[in-house]
Amino acid sequence: QEKIGGVTLQKPDYAGWPREKRITEAKKLLAQAGFTAG
């Protein structure tokens, strides 16, 4: 949780990215792993 047990935790940087940037990065990662449209 963001706030639990008296501490506050920060979300990862990509949580603040625009949706389009997250999707672009996701496609790159899939391509690197061998998954494409084909």
ModelCIF file with pLDDT and N, C-alpha, C, O atoms, coordinates in Angstrom:
data_MODEL
#
_entry.id   MODEL 
#
_entity.id                         1 
_entity.type                       polymer 
_entity.pdbx_number_of_molecules   1 
#
_entity_poly.entity_id                      1 
_entity_poly.type                           'polypeptide(L)' 
_entity_poly.nstd_linkage                   no 
_entity_poly.nstd_monomer                   no 
_entity_poly.pdbx_seq_one_letter_code       QEKIGGVTLQKPDYAGWPREKRITEAKKLLAQAGFTAG 
_entity_poly.pdbx_seq_one_letter_code_can   QEKIGGVTLQKPDYAGWPREKRITEAKKLLAQAGFTAG 
_entity_poly.pdbx_strand_id                 A 
#
loop_
_entity_poly_seq.entity_id 
_entity_poly_seq.num 
_entity_poly_seq.mon_id 
_entity_poly_seq.hetero 
1 1  GLN n 
1 2  GLU n 
1 3  LYS n 
1 4  ILE n 
1 5  GLY n 
1 6  GLY n 
1 7  VAL n 
1 8  THR n 
1 9  LEU n 
1 10 GLN n 
1 11 LYS n 
1 12 PRO n 
1 13 ASP n 
1 14 TYR n 
1 15 ALA n 
1 16 GLY n 
1 17 TRP n 
1 18 PRO n 
1 19 ARG n 
1 20 GLU n 
1 21 LYS n 
1 22 ARG n 
1 23 ILE n 
1 24 THR n 
1 25 GLU n 
1 26 ALA n 
1 27 LYS n 
1 28 LYS n 
1 29 LEU n 
1 30 LEU n 
1 31 ALA n 
1 32 GLN n 
1 33 ALA n 
1 34 GLY n 
1 35 PHE n 
1 36 THR n 
1 37 ALA n 
1 38 GLY n 
#
_struct_asym.id          A 
_struct_asym.entity_id   1 
#
loop_
_ma_qa_metric.id 
_ma_qa_metric.mode 
_ma_qa_metric.name 
_ma_qa_metric.software_group_id 
_ma_qa_metric.type 
1 global pLDDT . pLDDT 
2 local  pLDDT . pLDDT 
#
_ma_qa_metric_global.metric_id      1 
_ma_qa_metric_global.metric_value   96.42 
_ma_qa_metric_global.model_id       1 
_ma_qa_metric_global.ordinal_id     1 
#
loop_
_ma_qa_metric_local.label_asym_id 
_ma_qa_metric_local.label_comp_id 
_ma_qa_metric_local.label_seq_id 
_ma_qa_metric_local.metric_id 
_ma_qa_metric_local.metric_value 
_ma_qa_metric_local.model_id 
_ma_qa_metric_local.ordinal_id 
A GLN 1  2 97.00 1 1  
A GLU 2  2 96.00 1 2  
A LYS 3  2 94.00 1 3  
A ILE 4  2 94.00 1 4  
A GLY 5  2 90.00 1 5  
A GLY 6  2 89.00 1 6  
A VAL 7  2 94.00 1 7  
A THR 8  2 96.00 1 8  
A LEU 9  2 98.00 1 9  
A GLN 10 2 98.00 1 10 
A LYS 11 2 98.00 1 11 
A PRO 12 2 98.00 1 12 
A ASP 13 2 97.00 1 13 
A TYR 14 2 98.00 1 14 
A ALA 15 2 98.00 1 15 
A GLY 16 2 97.00 1 16 
A TRP 17 2 98.00 1 17 
A PRO 18 2 97.00 1 18 
A ARG 19 2 96.00 1 19 
A GLU 20 2 97.00 1 20 
A LYS 21 2 98.00 1 21 
A ARG 22 2 98.00 1 22 
A ILE 23 2 98.00 1 23 
A THR 24 2 98.00 1 24 
A GLU 25 2 98.00 1 25 
A ALA 26 2 98.00 1 26 
A LYS 27 2 98.00 1 27 
A LYS 28 2 98.00 1 28 
A LEU 29 2 98.00 1 29 
A LEU 30 2 98.00 1 30 
A ALA 31 2 97.00 1 31 
A GLN 32 2 98.00 1 32 
A ALA 33 2 98.00 1 33 
A GLY 34 2 97.00 1 34 
A PHE 35 2 97.00 1 35 
A THR 36 2 93.00 1 36 
A ALA 37 2 91.00 1 37 
A GLY 38 2 93.00 1 38 
#
loop_
_atom_site.group_PDB 
_atom_site.id 
_atom_site.type_symbol 
_atom_site.label_atom_id 
_atom_site.label_alt_id 
_atom_site.label_comp_id 
_atom_site.label_asym_id 
_atom_site.label_entity_id 
_atom_site.label_seq_id 
_atom_site.pdbx_PDB_ins_code 
_atom_site.Cartn_x 
_atom_site.Cartn_y 
_atom_site.Cartn_z 
_atom_site.occupancy 
_atom_site.B_iso_or_equiv 
_atom_site.pdbx_formal_charge 
_atom_site.auth_seq_id 
_atom_site.auth_comp_id 
_atom_site.auth_asym_id 
_atom_site.auth_atom_id 
_atom_site.pdbx_PDB_model_num 
ATOM 1   N N  . GLN A 1 1  ? 0.845  -1.189  0.000   1.00 97.00 ? 1  GLN A N  1 
ATOM 2   C CA . GLN A 1 1  ? 0.000  0.000   0.000   1.00 97.00 ? 1  GLN A CA 1 
ATOM 3   C C  . GLN A 1 1  ? 0.885  1.245   0.000   1.00 97.00 ? 1  GLN A C  1 
ATOM 4   O O  . GLN A 1 1  ? 2.038  1.197   0.429   1.00 97.00 ? 1  GLN A O  1 
ATOM 5   N N  . GLU A 1 2  ? 0.346  2.336   -0.474  1.00 96.00 ? 2  GLU A N  1 
ATOM 6   C CA . GLU A 1 2  ? 1.125  3.571   -0.457  1.00 96.00 ? 2  GLU A CA 1 
ATOM 7   C C  . GLU A 1 2  ? 1.381  4.050   0.968   1.00 96.00 ? 2  GLU A C  1 
ATOM 8   O O  . GLU A 1 2  ? 2.449  4.586   1.265   1.00 96.00 ? 2  GLU A O  1 
ATOM 9   N N  . LYS A 1 3  ? 0.392  3.854   1.858   1.00 94.00 ? 3  LYS A N  1 
ATOM 10  C CA . LYS A 1 3  ? 0.560  4.216   3.266   1.00 94.00 ? 3  LYS A CA 1 
ATOM 11  C C  . LYS A 1 3  ? 0.138  3.022   4.108   1.00 94.00 ? 3  LYS A C  1 
ATOM 12  O O  . LYS A 1 3  ? -1.012 2.586   4.058   1.00 94.00 ? 3  LYS A O  1 
ATOM 13  N N  . ILE A 1 4  ? 1.092  2.494   4.890   1.00 94.00 ? 4  ILE A N  1 
ATOM 14  C CA . ILE A 1 4  ? 0.809  1.319   5.712   1.00 94.00 ? 4  ILE A CA 1 
ATOM 15  C C  . ILE A 1 4  ? 1.830  1.249   6.835   1.00 94.00 ? 4  ILE A C  1 
ATOM 16  O O  . ILE A 1 4  ? 3.015  1.504   6.623   1.00 94.00 ? 4  ILE A O  1 
ATOM 17  N N  . GLY A 1 5  ? 1.370  0.906   8.025   1.00 90.00 ? 5  GLY A N  1 
ATOM 18  C CA . GLY A 1 5  ? 2.270  0.688   9.151   1.00 90.00 ? 5  GLY A CA 1 
ATOM 19  C C  . GLY A 1 5  ? 3.150  1.868   9.500   1.00 90.00 ? 5  GLY A C  1 
ATOM 20  O O  . GLY A 1 5  ? 4.273  1.690   9.972   1.00 90.00 ? 5  GLY A O  1 
ATOM 21  N N  . GLY A 1 6  ? 2.648  3.076   9.271   1.00 89.00 ? 6  GLY A N  1 
ATOM 22  C CA . GLY A 1 6  ? 3.421  4.262   9.621   1.00 89.00 ? 6  GLY A CA 1 
ATOM 23  C C  . GLY A 1 6  ? 4.457  4.672   8.600   1.00 89.00 ? 6  GLY A C  1 
ATOM 24  O O  . GLY A 1 6  ? 5.258  5.565   8.878   1.00 89.00 ? 6  GLY A O  1 
ATOM 25  N N  . VAL A 1 7  ? 4.475  4.053   7.418   1.00 94.00 ? 7  VAL A N  1 
ATOM 26  C CA . VAL A 1 7  ? 5.422  4.440   6.376   1.00 94.00 ? 7  VAL A CA 1 
ATOM 27  C C  . VAL A 1 7  ? 4.661  4.795   5.102   1.00 94.00 ? 7  VAL A C  1 
ATOM 28  O O  . VAL A 1 7  ? 3.537  4.339   4.889   1.00 94.00 ? 7  VAL A O  1 
ATOM 29  N N  . THR A 1 8  ? 5.284  5.609   4.264   1.00 96.00 ? 8  THR A N  1 
ATOM 30  C CA . THR A 1 8  ? 4.737  5.980   2.960   1.00 96.00 ? 8  THR A CA 1 
ATOM 31  C C  . THR A 1 8  ? 5.685  5.488   1.886   1.00 96.00 ? 8  THR A C  1 
ATOM 32  O O  . THR A 1 8  ? 6.877  5.793   1.910   1.00 96.00 ? 8  THR A O  1 
ATOM 33  N N  . LEU A 1 9  ? 5.153  4.725   0.941   1.00 98.00 ? 9  LEU A N  1 
ATOM 34  C CA . LEU A 1 9  ? 5.962  4.149   -0.128  1.00 98.00 ? 9  LEU A CA 1 
ATOM 35  C C  . LEU A 1 9  ? 5.667  4.839   -1.444  1.00 98.00 ? 9  LEU A C  1 
ATOM 36  O O  . LEU A 1 9  ? 4.531  5.226   -1.716  1.00 98.00 ? 9  LEU A O  1 
ATOM 37  N N  . GLN A 1 10 ? 6.698  4.989   -2.256  1.00 98.00 ? 10 GLN A N  1 
ATOM 38  C CA . GLN A 1 10 ? 6.579  5.680   -3.540  1.00 98.00 ? 10 GLN A CA 1 
ATOM 39  C C  . GLN A 1 10 ? 6.349  4.690   -4.673  1.00 98.00 ? 10 GLN A C  1 
ATOM 40  O O  . GLN A 1 10 ? 6.944  3.612   -4.710  1.00 98.00 ? 10 GLN A O  1 
ATOM 41  N N  . LYS A 1 11 ? 5.479  5.074   -5.593  1.00 98.00 ? 11 LYS A N  1 
ATOM 42  C CA . LYS A 1 11 ? 5.221  4.251   -6.771  1.00 98.00 ? 11 LYS A CA 1 
ATOM 43  C C  . LYS A 1 11 ? 6.412  4.320   -7.728  1.00 98.00 ? 11 LYS A C  1 
ATOM 44  O O  . LYS A 1 11 ? 7.193  5.269   -7.662  1.00 98.00 ? 11 LYS A O  1 
ATOM 45  N N  . PRO A 1 12 ? 6.567  3.338   -8.611  1.00 98.00 ? 12 PRO A N  1 
ATOM 46  C CA . PRO A 1 12 ? 7.670  3.380   -9.589  1.00 98.00 ? 12 PRO A CA 1 
ATOM 47  C C  . PRO A 1 12 ? 7.487  4.541   -10.556 1.00 98.00 ? 12 PRO A C  1 
ATOM 48  O O  . PRO A 1 12 ? 6.375  5.036   -10.738 1.00 98.00 ? 12 PRO A O  1 
ATOM 49  N N  . ASP A 1 13 ? 8.574  4.970   -11.172 1.00 97.00 ? 13 ASP A N  1 
ATOM 50  C CA . ASP A 1 13 ? 8.527  6.116   -12.088 1.00 97.00 ? 13 ASP A CA 1 
ATOM 51  C C  . ASP A 1 13 ? 7.512  5.909   -13.203 1.00 97.00 ? 13 ASP A C  1 
ATOM 52  O O  . ASP A 1 13 ? 6.817  6.847   -13.592 1.00 97.00 ? 13 ASP A O  1 
ATOM 53  N N  . TYR A 1 14 ? 7.421  4.674   -13.723 1.00 98.00 ? 14 TYR A N  1 
ATOM 54  C CA . TYR A 1 14 ? 6.551  4.460   -14.879 1.00 98.00 ? 14 TYR A CA 1 
ATOM 55  C C  . TYR A 1 14 ? 5.070  4.629   -14.539 1.00 98.00 ? 14 TYR A C  1 
ATOM 56  O O  . TYR A 1 14 ? 4.236  4.734   -15.439 1.00 98.00 ? 14 TYR A O  1 
ATOM 57  N N  . ALA A 1 15 ? 4.737  4.656   -13.234 1.00 98.00 ? 15 ALA A N  1 
ATOM 58  C CA . ALA A 1 15 ? 3.343  4.902   -12.851 1.00 98.00 ? 15 ALA A CA 1 
ATOM 59  C C  . ALA A 1 15 ? 2.911  6.309   -13.260 1.00 98.00 ? 15 ALA A C  1 
ATOM 60  O O  . ALA A 1 15 ? 1.727  6.561   -13.481 1.00 98.00 ? 15 ALA A O  1 
ATOM 61  N N  . GLY A 1 16 ? 3.878  7.224   -13.359 1.00 97.00 ? 16 GLY A N  1 
ATOM 62  C CA . GLY A 1 16 ? 3.569  8.604   -13.722 1.00 97.00 ? 16 GLY A CA 1 
ATOM 63  C C  . GLY A 1 16 ? 3.724  8.907   -15.202 1.00 97.00 ? 16 GLY A C  1 
ATOM 64  O O  . GLY A 1 16 ? 3.486  10.036  -15.631 1.00 97.00 ? 16 GLY A O  1 
ATOM 65  N N  . TRP A 1 17 ? 4.120  7.907   -15.991 1.00 98.00 ? 17 TRP A N  1 
ATOM 66  C CA . TRP A 1 17 ? 4.254  8.132   -17.428 1.00 98.00 ? 17 TRP A CA 1 
ATOM 67  C C  . TRP A 1 17 ? 2.880  8.327   -18.074 1.00 98.00 ? 17 TRP A C  1 
ATOM 68  O O  . TRP A 1 17 ? 1.881  7.814   -17.570 1.00 98.00 ? 17 TRP A O  1 
ATOM 69  N N  . PRO A 1 18 ? 2.825  9.058   -19.178 1.00 97.00 ? 18 PRO A N  1 
ATOM 70  C CA . PRO A 1 18 ? 1.588  9.089   -19.964 1.00 97.00 ? 18 PRO A CA 1 
ATOM 71  C C  . PRO A 1 18 ? 1.264  7.693   -20.480 1.00 97.00 ? 18 PRO A C  1 
ATOM 72  O O  . PRO A 1 18 ? 2.160  6.877   -20.699 1.00 97.00 ? 18 PRO A O  1 
ATOM 73  N N  . ARG A 1 19 ? -0.003 7.431   -20.669 1.00 96.00 ? 19 ARG A N  1 
ATOM 74  C CA . ARG A 1 19 ? -0.453 6.112   -21.122 1.00 96.00 ? 19 ARG A CA 1 
ATOM 75  C C  . ARG A 1 19 ? 0.260  5.689   -22.404 1.00 96.00 ? 19 ARG A C  1 
ATOM 76  O O  . ARG A 1 19 ? 0.652  4.530   -22.540 1.00 96.00 ? 19 ARG A O  1 
ATOM 77  N N  . GLU A 1 20 ? 0.429  6.614   -23.341 1.00 97.00 ? 20 GLU A N  1 
ATOM 78  C CA . GLU A 1 20 ? 1.048  6.295   -24.624 1.00 97.00 ? 20 GLU A CA 1 
ATOM 79  C C  . GLU A 1 20 ? 2.497  5.841   -24.449 1.00 97.00 ? 20 GLU A C  1 
ATOM 80  O O  . GLU A 1 20 ? 2.963  4.940   -25.146 1.00 97.00 ? 20 GLU A O  1 
ATOM 81  N N  . LYS A 1 21 ? 3.197  6.472   -23.514 1.00 98.00 ? 21 LYS A N  1 
ATOM 82  C CA . LYS A 1 21 ? 4.591  6.095   -23.274 1.00 98.00 ? 21 LYS A CA 1 
ATOM 83  C C  . LYS A 1 21 ? 4.675  4.693   -22.688 1.00 98.00 ? 21 LYS A C  1 
ATOM 84  O O  . LYS A 1 21 ? 5.557  3.917   -23.056 1.00 98.00 ? 21 LYS A O  1 
ATOM 85  N N  . ARG A 1 22 ? 3.760  4.364   -21.774 1.00 98.00 ? 22 ARG A N  1 
ATOM 86  C CA . ARG A 1 22 ? 3.764  3.023   -21.186 1.00 98.00 ? 22 ARG A CA 1 
ATOM 87  C C  . ARG A 1 22 ? 3.509  1.963   -22.249 1.00 98.00 ? 22 ARG A C  1 
ATOM 88  O O  . ARG A 1 22 ? 4.164  0.921   -22.265 1.00 98.00 ? 22 ARG A O  1 
ATOM 89  N N  . ILE A 1 23 ? 2.553  2.232   -23.140 1.00 98.00 ? 23 ILE A N  1 
ATOM 90  C CA . ILE A 1 23 ? 2.229  1.260   -24.186 1.00 98.00 ? 23 ILE A CA 1 
ATOM 91  C C  . ILE A 1 23 ? 3.393  1.093   -25.156 1.00 98.00 ? 23 ILE A C  1 
ATOM 92  O O  . ILE A 1 23 ? 3.702  -0.027  -25.562 1.00 98.00 ? 23 ILE A O  1 
ATOM 93  N N  . THR A 1 24 ? 4.044  2.197   -25.531 1.00 98.00 ? 24 THR A N  1 
ATOM 94  C CA . THR A 1 24 ? 5.202  2.135   -26.428 1.00 98.00 ? 24 THR A CA 1 
ATOM 95  C C  . THR A 1 24 ? 6.317  1.303   -25.817 1.00 98.00 ? 24 THR A C  1 
ATOM 96  O O  . THR A 1 24 ? 6.925  0.471   -26.490 1.00 98.00 ? 24 THR A O  1 
ATOM 97  N N  . GLU A 1 25 ? 6.582  1.534   -24.526 1.00 98.00 ? 25 GLU A N  1 
ATOM 98  C CA . GLU A 1 25 ? 7.634  0.775   -23.846 1.00 98.00 ? 25 GLU A CA 1 
ATOM 99  C C  . GLU A 1 25 ? 7.246  -0.699  -23.743 1.00 98.00 ? 25 GLU A C  1 
ATOM 100 O O  . GLU A 1 25 ? 8.100  -1.575  -23.884 1.00 98.00 ? 25 GLU A O  1 
ATOM 101 N N  . ALA A 1 26 ? 5.965  -0.977  -23.500 1.00 98.00 ? 26 ALA A N  1 
ATOM 102 C CA . ALA A 1 26 ? 5.499  -2.356  -23.405 1.00 98.00 ? 26 ALA A CA 1 
ATOM 103 C C  . ALA A 1 26 ? 5.708  -3.090  -24.727 1.00 98.00 ? 26 ALA A C  1 
ATOM 104 O O  . ALA A 1 26 ? 6.131  -4.246  -24.732 1.00 98.00 ? 26 ALA A O  1 
ATOM 105 N N  . LYS A 1 27 ? 5.417  -2.438  -25.834 1.00 98.00 ? 27 LYS A N  1 
ATOM 106 C CA . LYS A 1 27 ? 5.608  -3.056  -27.154 1.00 98.00 ? 27 LYS A CA 1 
ATOM 107 C C  . LYS A 1 27 ? 7.081  -3.359  -27.406 1.00 98.00 ? 27 LYS A C  1 
ATOM 108 O O  . LYS A 1 27 ? 7.414  -4.394  -27.984 1.00 98.00 ? 27 LYS A O  1 
ATOM 109 N N  . LYS A 1 28 ? 7.956  -2.466  -26.978 1.00 98.00 ? 28 LYS A N  1 
ATOM 110 C CA . LYS A 1 28 ? 9.392  -2.690  -27.142 1.00 98.00 ? 28 LYS A CA 1 
ATOM 111 C C  . LYS A 1 28 ? 9.833  -3.925  -26.360 1.00 98.00 ? 28 LYS A C  1 
ATOM 112 O O  . LYS A 1 28 ? 10.588 -4.756  -26.864 1.00 98.00 ? 28 LYS A O  1 
ATOM 113 N N  . LEU A 1 29 ? 9.352  -4.033  -25.125 1.00 98.00 ? 29 LEU A N  1 
ATOM 114 C CA . LEU A 1 29 ? 9.735  -5.166  -24.288 1.00 98.00 ? 29 LEU A CA 1 
ATOM 115 C C  . LEU A 1 29 ? 9.242  -6.485  -24.878 1.00 98.00 ? 29 LEU A C  1 
ATOM 116 O O  . LEU A 1 29 ? 9.965  -7.481  -24.870 1.00 98.00 ? 29 LEU A O  1 
ATOM 117 N N  . LEU A 1 30 ? 8.013  -6.490  -25.389 1.00 98.00 ? 30 LEU A N  1 
ATOM 118 C CA . LEU A 1 30 ? 7.494  -7.710  -26.014 1.00 98.00 ? 30 LEU A CA 1 
ATOM 119 C C  . LEU A 1 30 ? 8.310  -8.085  -27.243 1.00 98.00 ? 30 LEU A C  1 
ATOM 120 O O  . LEU A 1 30 ? 8.613  -9.258  -27.462 1.00 98.00 ? 30 LEU A O  1 
ATOM 121 N N  . ALA A 1 31 ? 8.667  -7.078  -28.049 1.00 97.00 ? 31 ALA A N  1 
ATOM 122 C CA . ALA A 1 31 ? 9.462  -7.339  -29.247 1.00 97.00 ? 31 ALA A CA 1 
ATOM 123 C C  . ALA A 1 31 ? 10.823 -7.916  -28.883 1.00 97.00 ? 31 ALA A C  1 
ATOM 124 O O  . ALA A 1 31 ? 11.311 -8.833  -29.544 1.00 97.00 ? 31 ALA A O  1 
ATOM 125 N N  . GLN A 1 32 ? 11.443 -7.372  -27.817 1.00 98.00 ? 32 GLN A N  1 
ATOM 126 C CA . GLN A 1 32 ? 12.731 -7.885  -27.362 1.00 98.00 ? 32 GLN A CA 1 
ATOM 127 C C  . GLN A 1 32 ? 12.618 -9.348  -26.905 1.00 98.00 ? 32 GLN A C  1 
ATOM 128 O O  . GLN A 1 32 ? 13.561 -10.130 -27.029 1.00 98.00 ? 32 GLN A O  1 
ATOM 129 N N  . ALA A 1 33 ? 11.449 -9.690  -26.379 1.00 98.00 ? 33 ALA A N  1 
ATOM 130 C CA . ALA A 1 33 ? 11.218 -11.063 -25.911 1.00 98.00 ? 33 ALA A CA 1 
ATOM 131 C C  . ALA A 1 33 ? 10.772 -11.987 -27.034 1.00 98.00 ? 33 ALA A C  1 
ATOM 132 O O  . ALA A 1 33 ? 10.563 -13.178 -26.806 1.00 98.00 ? 33 ALA A O  1 
ATOM 133 N N  . GLY A 1 34 ? 10.619 -11.442 -28.272 1.00 97.00 ? 34 GLY A N  1 
ATOM 134 C CA . GLY A 1 34 ? 10.295 -12.274 -29.422 1.00 97.00 ? 34 GLY A CA 1 
ATOM 135 C C  . GLY A 1 34 ? 8.833  -12.301 -29.823 1.00 97.00 ? 34 GLY A C  1 
ATOM 136 O O  . GLY A 1 34 ? 8.418  -13.158 -30.602 1.00 97.00 ? 34 GLY A O  1 
ATOM 137 N N  . PHE A 1 35 ? 8.041  -11.358 -29.292 1.00 97.00 ? 35 PHE A N  1 
ATOM 138 C CA . PHE A 1 35 ? 6.614  -11.340 -29.611 1.00 97.00 ? 35 PHE A CA 1 
ATOM 139 C C  . PHE A 1 35 ? 6.272  -10.095 -30.421 1.00 97.00 ? 35 PHE A C  1 
ATOM 140 O O  . PHE A 1 35 ? 6.493  -8.966  -29.983 1.00 97.00 ? 35 PHE A O  1 
ATOM 141 N N  . THR A 1 36 ? 5.727  -10.330 -31.616 1.00 93.00 ? 36 THR A N  1 
ATOM 142 C CA . THR A 1 36 ? 5.388  -9.249  -32.546 1.00 93.00 ? 36 THR A CA 1 
ATOM 143 C C  . THR A 1 36 ? 3.985  -9.475  -33.078 1.00 93.00 ? 36 THR A C  1 
ATOM 144 O O  . THR A 1 36 ? 3.301  -10.416 -32.677 1.00 93.00 ? 36 THR A O  1 
ATOM 145 N N  . ALA A 1 37 ? 3.557  -8.591  -33.999 1.00 91.00 ? 37 ALA A N  1 
ATOM 146 C CA . ALA A 1 37 ? 2.231  -8.749  -34.607 1.00 91.00 ? 37 ALA A CA 1 
ATOM 147 C C  . ALA A 1 37 ? 2.130  -10.078 -35.344 1.00 91.00 ? 37 ALA A C  1 
ATOM 148 O O  . ALA A 1 37 ? 1.066  -10.696 -35.373 1.00 91.00 ? 37 ALA A O  1 
ATOM 149 N N  . GLY A 1 38 ? 3.235  -10.517 -35.941 1.00 93.00 ? 38 GLY A N  1 
ATOM 150 C CA . GLY A 1 38 ? 3.237  -11.791 -36.650 1.00 93.00 ? 38 GLY A CA 1 
ATOM 151 C C  . GLY A 1 38 ? 3.392  -12.992 -35.734 1.00 93.00 ? 38 GLY A C  1 
ATOM 152 O O  . GLY A 1 38 ? 3.409  -14.129 -36.204 1.00 93.00 ? 38 GLY A O  1 
#
